[in-house]
């Protein structure tokens, strides 16, 4: 069996990131061994990831170095503050 080297992940943006980018989500095809940071760079090559942006993979906090798998959901959101 030949292994497919392209995966599709769902990307979600929240709060001010959603407003800034003008959309709530994307679907993105990536190669195997793609990290969360590489997903952002691939989708938004002209827009650096804002400082302190948080990421989640499948609704669990993730580092920007975490690799994704086919079908994963990756979310980007600004840090949450409260009082």
N, C-alpha and C. Protein backbone atom coordinates (compact mmCIF):
# COMPACT_ATOMS: atom_id res chain seq x y z
N UNK A 1 0.84 -1.18 0.00
CA UNK A 1 0.00 0.00 0.00
C UNK A 1 0.89 1.25 0.00
N UNK A 2 0.57 2.21 -0.84
CA UNK A 2 1.31 3.47 -0.89
C UNK A 2 0.68 4.43 0.09
N UNK A 3 1.52 5.01 0.91
CA UNK A 3 1.04 5.95 1.92
C UNK A 3 0.90 7.34 1.31
N UNK A 4 -0.23 7.98 1.53
CA UNK A 4 -0.48 9.32 1.02
C UNK A 4 0.32 10.32 1.85
N UNK A 5 1.07 11.19 1.17
CA UNK A 5 1.93 12.11 1.90
C UNK A 5 1.28 13.48 2.11
N UNK A 6 0.02 13.64 1.71
CA UNK A 6 -0.67 14.91 1.90
C UNK A 6 -1.84 14.70 2.86
N UNK A 7 -1.97 15.61 3.80
CA UNK A 7 -3.03 15.53 4.80
C UNK A 7 -3.87 16.80 4.72
N UNK A 8 -5.09 16.71 5.22
CA UNK A 8 -5.94 17.89 5.31
C UNK A 8 -6.25 18.14 6.78
N UNK A 9 -6.08 19.39 7.20
CA UNK A 9 -6.42 19.78 8.57
C UNK A 9 -7.39 20.95 8.52
N UNK A 10 -8.19 21.06 9.56
CA UNK A 10 -9.12 22.18 9.67
C UNK A 10 -8.50 23.20 10.61
N UNK A 11 -8.54 24.46 10.20
CA UNK A 11 -7.95 25.54 10.98
C UNK A 11 -9.07 26.46 11.46
N UNK A 12 -9.04 26.83 12.74
CA UNK A 12 -10.03 27.75 13.29
C UNK A 12 -9.32 28.94 13.92
N UNK A 13 -9.94 30.12 13.78
CA UNK A 13 -9.41 31.35 14.35
C UNK A 13 -10.45 31.92 15.30
N UNK A 14 -10.00 32.45 16.43
CA UNK A 14 -10.91 32.95 17.43
C UNK A 14 -10.62 34.39 17.81
N UNK A 15 -11.65 35.05 18.29
CA UNK A 15 -11.58 36.40 18.86
C UNK A 15 -10.93 37.39 17.90
N UNK A 16 -9.94 38.14 18.38
CA UNK A 16 -9.34 39.20 17.56
C UNK A 16 -8.62 38.64 16.33
N UNK A 17 -8.14 37.41 16.39
CA UNK A 17 -7.51 36.82 15.20
C UNK A 17 -8.54 36.62 14.10
N UNK A 18 -9.71 36.14 14.47
CA UNK A 18 -10.79 35.97 13.49
C UNK A 18 -11.15 37.32 12.86
N UNK A 19 -11.24 38.35 13.69
CA UNK A 19 -11.57 39.68 13.18
C UNK A 19 -10.47 40.21 12.26
N UNK A 20 -9.24 40.04 12.67
CA UNK A 20 -8.10 40.54 11.90
C UNK A 20 -7.97 39.84 10.54
N UNK A 21 -8.20 38.53 10.52
CA UNK A 21 -8.04 37.75 9.30
C UNK A 21 -9.28 37.75 8.42
N UNK A 22 -10.42 38.13 9.01
CA UNK A 22 -11.65 38.20 8.24
C UNK A 22 -12.31 36.87 7.95
N UNK A 23 -11.97 35.85 8.73
CA UNK A 23 -12.62 34.55 8.57
C UNK A 23 -12.48 33.74 9.85
N UNK A 24 -13.36 32.78 10.01
CA UNK A 24 -13.37 31.96 11.22
C UNK A 24 -12.62 30.65 11.04
N UNK A 25 -12.51 30.18 9.80
CA UNK A 25 -11.84 28.90 9.61
C UNK A 25 -11.35 28.72 8.18
N UNK A 26 -10.46 27.73 8.03
CA UNK A 26 -9.89 27.33 6.75
C UNK A 26 -9.72 25.83 6.76
N UNK A 27 -9.61 25.26 5.58
CA UNK A 27 -9.13 23.89 5.41
C UNK A 27 -7.80 24.03 4.68
N UNK A 28 -6.84 23.21 5.08
CA UNK A 28 -5.50 23.37 4.53
C UNK A 28 -4.89 22.00 4.30
N UNK A 29 -4.32 21.80 3.12
CA UNK A 29 -3.61 20.56 2.82
C UNK A 29 -2.14 20.76 3.12
N UNK A 30 -1.59 19.83 3.86
CA UNK A 30 -0.19 19.93 4.30
C UNK A 30 0.51 18.59 4.08
N UNK A 31 1.83 18.64 4.07
CA UNK A 31 2.62 17.43 4.00
C UNK A 31 2.70 16.80 5.39
N UNK A 32 3.04 15.53 5.42
CA UNK A 32 3.25 14.89 6.72
C UNK A 32 4.39 15.60 7.43
N UNK A 33 4.38 15.55 8.73
CA UNK A 33 5.37 16.17 9.61
C UNK A 33 5.31 17.70 9.58
N UNK A 34 4.15 18.24 9.32
CA UNK A 34 3.96 19.69 9.37
C UNK A 34 3.63 20.12 10.80
N UNK A 35 4.25 21.21 11.25
CA UNK A 35 4.00 21.71 12.59
C UNK A 35 2.91 22.76 12.58
N UNK A 36 2.43 23.08 13.76
CA UNK A 36 1.42 24.13 13.93
C UNK A 36 1.96 25.45 13.38
N UNK A 37 3.20 25.79 13.70
CA UNK A 37 3.80 27.04 13.20
C UNK A 37 3.88 27.05 11.68
N UNK A 38 4.20 25.92 11.07
CA UNK A 38 4.29 25.84 9.61
C UNK A 38 2.92 26.01 8.96
N UNK A 39 1.88 25.57 9.64
CA UNK A 39 0.53 25.78 9.11
C UNK A 39 0.23 27.27 9.01
N UNK A 40 0.51 28.00 10.10
CA UNK A 40 0.28 29.45 10.07
C UNK A 40 1.08 30.09 8.93
N UNK A 41 2.36 29.74 8.85
CA UNK A 41 3.24 30.33 7.83
C UNK A 41 2.76 29.99 6.42
N UNK A 42 2.22 28.81 6.24
CA UNK A 42 1.72 28.42 4.92
C UNK A 42 0.46 29.15 4.52
N UNK A 43 -0.41 29.38 5.49
CA UNK A 43 -1.67 30.08 5.22
C UNK A 43 -1.49 31.59 5.14
N UNK A 44 -0.61 32.12 5.96
CA UNK A 44 -0.45 33.57 6.10
C UNK A 44 1.03 33.97 5.95
N UNK A 45 1.63 33.73 4.79
CA UNK A 45 3.07 34.01 4.64
C UNK A 45 3.45 35.48 4.83
N UNK A 46 2.52 36.38 4.60
CA UNK A 46 2.80 37.81 4.74
C UNK A 46 2.40 38.35 6.12
N UNK A 47 1.84 37.48 6.98
CA UNK A 47 1.35 37.92 8.29
C UNK A 47 2.02 37.10 9.38
N UNK A 48 2.98 37.68 10.09
CA UNK A 48 3.62 36.94 11.18
C UNK A 48 2.60 36.56 12.26
N UNK A 49 2.83 35.43 12.88
CA UNK A 49 1.98 35.01 13.99
C UNK A 49 2.11 36.04 15.11
N UNK A 50 1.00 36.63 15.54
CA UNK A 50 1.09 37.64 16.60
C UNK A 50 1.72 37.07 17.88
N UNK A 51 2.48 37.90 18.59
CA UNK A 51 3.10 37.44 19.84
C UNK A 51 2.06 36.90 20.82
N UNK A 52 2.44 35.90 21.55
CA UNK A 52 1.62 35.29 22.60
C UNK A 52 0.36 34.58 22.09
N UNK A 53 0.29 34.33 20.78
CA UNK A 53 -0.84 33.58 20.25
C UNK A 53 -0.79 32.17 20.80
N UNK A 54 -1.93 31.66 21.22
CA UNK A 54 -2.04 30.30 21.72
C UNK A 54 -2.53 29.40 20.60
N UNK A 55 -2.17 28.12 20.68
CA UNK A 55 -2.61 27.15 19.69
C UNK A 55 -3.17 25.93 20.41
N UNK A 56 -4.07 25.27 19.72
CA UNK A 56 -4.62 24.01 20.22
C UNK A 56 -4.73 23.04 19.06
N UNK A 57 -4.52 21.78 19.34
CA UNK A 57 -4.73 20.72 18.36
C UNK A 57 -5.77 19.79 18.96
N UNK A 58 -6.86 19.64 18.25
CA UNK A 58 -7.97 18.80 18.72
C UNK A 58 -8.42 19.20 20.13
N UNK A 59 -8.56 20.50 20.33
CA UNK A 59 -9.08 21.10 21.56
C UNK A 59 -8.19 20.92 22.79
N UNK A 60 -6.89 20.69 22.57
CA UNK A 60 -5.93 20.64 23.68
C UNK A 60 -4.80 21.59 23.35
N UNK A 61 -4.38 22.38 24.35
CA UNK A 61 -3.27 23.30 24.12
C UNK A 61 -2.10 22.55 23.48
N UNK A 62 -1.42 23.23 22.56
CA UNK A 62 -0.32 22.62 21.84
C UNK A 62 0.79 23.64 21.64
N UNK A 63 2.01 23.16 21.53
CA UNK A 63 3.12 24.05 21.21
C UNK A 63 3.11 24.30 19.71
N UNK A 64 3.79 25.35 19.31
CA UNK A 64 3.88 25.67 17.88
C UNK A 64 4.73 24.63 17.15
N UNK A 65 5.52 23.84 17.87
CA UNK A 65 6.35 22.82 17.27
C UNK A 65 5.65 21.47 17.12
N UNK A 66 4.44 21.36 17.65
CA UNK A 66 3.72 20.09 17.58
C UNK A 66 3.36 19.78 16.13
N UNK A 67 3.56 18.53 15.74
CA UNK A 67 3.16 18.12 14.39
C UNK A 67 1.69 17.72 14.39
N UNK A 68 1.08 17.83 13.24
CA UNK A 68 -0.34 17.52 13.11
C UNK A 68 -0.51 16.25 12.27
N UNK A 69 -1.70 15.67 12.40
CA UNK A 69 -2.05 14.46 11.65
C UNK A 69 -3.24 14.75 10.76
N UNK A 70 -3.45 13.89 9.81
CA UNK A 70 -4.59 14.03 8.91
C UNK A 70 -5.89 14.12 9.69
N UNK A 71 -6.69 15.11 9.37
CA UNK A 71 -7.98 15.28 10.02
C UNK A 71 -7.96 16.09 11.30
N UNK A 72 -6.79 16.50 11.77
CA UNK A 72 -6.71 17.28 13.00
C UNK A 72 -7.38 18.64 12.83
N UNK A 73 -7.81 19.17 13.95
CA UNK A 73 -8.32 20.54 14.01
C UNK A 73 -7.29 21.37 14.76
N UNK A 74 -6.83 22.43 14.12
CA UNK A 74 -5.85 23.34 14.72
C UNK A 74 -6.54 24.68 14.96
N UNK A 75 -6.41 25.19 16.16
CA UNK A 75 -7.05 26.47 16.50
C UNK A 75 -5.98 27.46 16.96
N UNK A 76 -6.17 28.71 16.54
CA UNK A 76 -5.30 29.81 16.96
C UNK A 76 -6.16 30.84 17.68
N UNK A 77 -5.70 31.31 18.83
CA UNK A 77 -6.45 32.32 19.55
C UNK A 77 -5.53 33.15 20.41
N UNK A 78 -5.93 34.40 20.64
CA UNK A 78 -5.11 35.27 21.48
C UNK A 78 -5.18 34.80 22.93
N UNK A 79 -4.20 35.21 23.74
CA UNK A 79 -4.24 34.81 25.15
C UNK A 79 -5.52 35.32 25.82
N UNK A 80 -6.01 34.54 26.73
CA UNK A 80 -7.22 34.90 27.44
C UNK A 80 -6.83 35.64 28.73
N UNK A 81 -7.47 36.77 28.95
CA UNK A 81 -7.25 37.49 30.19
C UNK A 81 -8.57 37.62 30.91
N UNK A 82 -8.50 37.79 32.17
CA UNK A 82 -9.73 37.92 32.93
C UNK A 82 -9.46 38.62 34.25
N UNK A 83 -10.52 38.88 34.93
CA UNK A 83 -10.32 39.58 36.18
C UNK A 83 -11.30 39.16 37.22
